[in-house]
Amino acid sequence: MSVGKPAFPKSLRQFSAGSNETGRSPSHERAFQGDRSLLLGDPDLLDIGWQETLGWQLSRLRAAVVWRLLALAAIASFSGCSGMTEMARDLVRDLSDIDLEAMSGGLLGGEPLMVSQEQMTRLTKLPRIPSLWQVTLEESKVTVFSPLFENGSVYAASTNGELLRFDPISGKQSGGTQTKSQLSGGVGAGEGMILVGSFKGQVLAYDERNGKLLWSTHVSTEVLSPPYAGNGMVIVRTGDGRILCLEAGSGKRKWIYQGATPALTVRSFAGVAMSNNMVFAGFAGGKLVALNLSSGSLAWEAVVARPKGATELERITDITSLPVTDGQQVCAVAYQGRVACFDTASGNQLWARDVSSNAGLAMDEYYVYVSENKGELIAYDKRDGASVWKQDMLSGFRLSPPLIQGPYIVVADTLGNVSLIRRDNGSIVARSSTDGSAIVARPASLPNGFVVQTKNGGLYAFGVTG
């Protein structure tokens, strides 16, 4: 099968360093300027103390809740309230089923699920992906940052408030700003702006040309995903499940959409997809919605997966990843659910297949690729959902969302590895490592390769040809 390559820009437009004269408050006076040294030291070192602490704190929290619920059940039993007693017992059973090690390891990084020695031997014998450059930023323990390539520059953010710009060829820093905010989401772009969000619900828009702050606005709560700009609008998704539309020129709110949220959900760092004046977003409970960009009104709502199981934990079927669309159809995948594709105009289901993923999927002109929860990468025919191939050599690794890069698929994992896989037959052709910490966000495409950002703050660029 002949697989086409994505079109890359023939030249890279440089992003000149900005001026200090922003006309804004001192917190934003540093425009895109400065330099940052290349990463030095041993890339194989991994500090997992914070993960152990998180697991211990989650264990204490679960124990405290269990004891209080048992006490509640005892009180209800003495008072004759049998319904309250049964509810408390169900909650205790649900809490006892929570895999805290998987929560602190799977979402934020950590060990693979289960990998055989033979599997590791085969993986280590693969050729290496050529390394282009690497730099280091502040580590990110509780959120996920996505690097961005936009108009000839690479952008990356970190929780300490840095928003930096790098040359995609050399990795040399060509600009940056200290936002003086604790950043939680980014980096987004569009309409000539570079966009980030903060834990305090700030959305910050910077001029792509000179790094000056254009506007700042507050939303309901933390921004956990990159804001998206297009058609004169900026779309922001908040941690409480709201989708807001802001005017690109001023940051003023145009509309807000609030979807229904079950009592128990999976924390999501997914944003929204835009196409044909529509906004597509997945929600808890396996719902996919299409909103009119101009008004925020609901165009249609579809079910990707329906909750199944006896307990609340078993019934979680959240869409925790970004939908993908080619303009004609939009596809989404749910945790403990299915992957399904729908007509973008009507919302009619085209096909669906059982699979579980909280990482996400990608789409090209032929296939839909899903990073499955157990570490398999699966390709489905986008026309009818027929299974085309399955790559199971990565089984046991928690994968990132896939990136389409020329004739290849790029996936990363929570041990900081990146793998290059052929789109036509699913074979792994090369594999490299970074700093050993999790890569949760989708790799970002470069004209000559791709770039990833690790939880430890490493920014790694790799070269891909052909």
Foldseek 3Di string as FASTA:
>chain_A
DDDFFDDDDPDFDDFAAFAQPQVDDPLWSFFWDDWADFDDDDLQDDDCVVLVVQLVVLVVVLVVLLVVLVVQLVVCVVVVNVVSNVVSVQVNVVSVPDDSNCVSDVPQFDFFQDADPVLVVVFVPFAAFFFQGKHFDAFARDAAEAWADDRQWIWTDAQQQKIWIAGQRRRITRTITRNNARWAEDFEDDPQWTWTWGQAAKIWTAGRRHRHTQEIDGDDGTFRYHWYDDPQWIWTAHQQGKIWIAGPRYRHTQDMDHDDADPDADGASAGWDDAPQWIWDWFKQQKIWIARNNHRDTQDIDGQFHFDDDGPVSRTFGQRYYWDDPRQKIWTGTAQGWIWIAGNNRRHTQEIDGFGDNAIWYDDPFWIWGCGQQGKIWTAGPRRRHTQEIDCSRGRFGWHYWDDGGQWIWIATQQAKIWTAGPRYGHTRHMDGGSGGGFHYYWYDDPFFTWTAGSNRMIITGGDDD
